[in-house]
Amino acid sequence: MRNMSKEDFFKMFKNQSYVEQLKEIPQKFNVVHNEETKTTNITIYGIIGYSWFGESFSATDIDNALNEAGTNDIVINLNSPGGDAFAGIAIYNRLRRHEGKVTVHVDGWACSAASLFLAAADETIMGLGSMTMIHPASSVAWGTKTDMRKEADVLQELEEGIIDIYMTKANVSREEIRQMVDAETWFSAKRAVEIGFANKAEGTDNNEPNEPNNIVNSVLDHDQKMNIINELKNTLKPNNQQQEPSPTSTTTVVSKGNGSFNLLKKWR
């Protein structure tokens, strides 16, 4: 495996629609410690890696910042197209070991190796309109067919390790994540929350009340269905007709604690 240039890296993206925008992300790495609030703000914009001639930041930069932060809570402002996978993994593990709370704000992009930072965070907040992307591990190789096969084996193992990291957050199966990686998948802020990669998407309502699962997903038995039918019949009778008693319906509705309207909703 030889060093990959910045241009080589962007050529690896299957979807080239956003490449020019990603190239325009300004390179910025900035650390501000606030001893009064016991927080450290780290701005990470641009390429992740070791070998792009000063156009990137490294895992060493993160390690130094965290050592200086002590036990401060960490707030990371992230906007990155990704970069070196091994640097991304090292940063992920360093963030996971930090004693304070780690919060990641995705300001724009969190692609490729930068998507691993989301898994390292105690809380990830996607900015309005932000995106994250996962894709297959890649490299540039030169040599014989034996060299190429060895390189493919290394990439396979690297990719499995990256999927291990995604699975610490994902709420879908490993096979689904593997398919998403193979396909190169781009996630909106809302979708990142839905799949478990983020905790919140700014500008969207993430606290919409859901009906209790035991009501929505349960199946009515025969007696419950008959009770609902009897109640509907009694409700729809003219006022001058005496309602037929339905003692069992009262017992069933009270035991559920949700009223016959809720029972009717789940009979589908």
Foldseek 3Di string as FASTA:
>chain_A
DDDDEPVNVLVPDPDNPCSVVQVPWQADWDWDADPVQLEIEIEGIEEEDDPHVPRHDFLVVVLVRLVVSQQGEYEYEDHYQYYDQVRLVSNLVSLLPRNHAYEYEDPAEQEESSLLVLLSHPAYEYEAFHKYKAAFDDDDDDDDPVRVVVVVVVSVVSRVVVLVSVVSFFPDDSVVVVVRHHVIHMGTRVRCCVGRSHVYYPPDDPPDDDDDCCLQVDEDDPVLVVLLVLVVVQVPDDPVDDRDDDVVSVVVQVVVVPGNVSNVNNHD
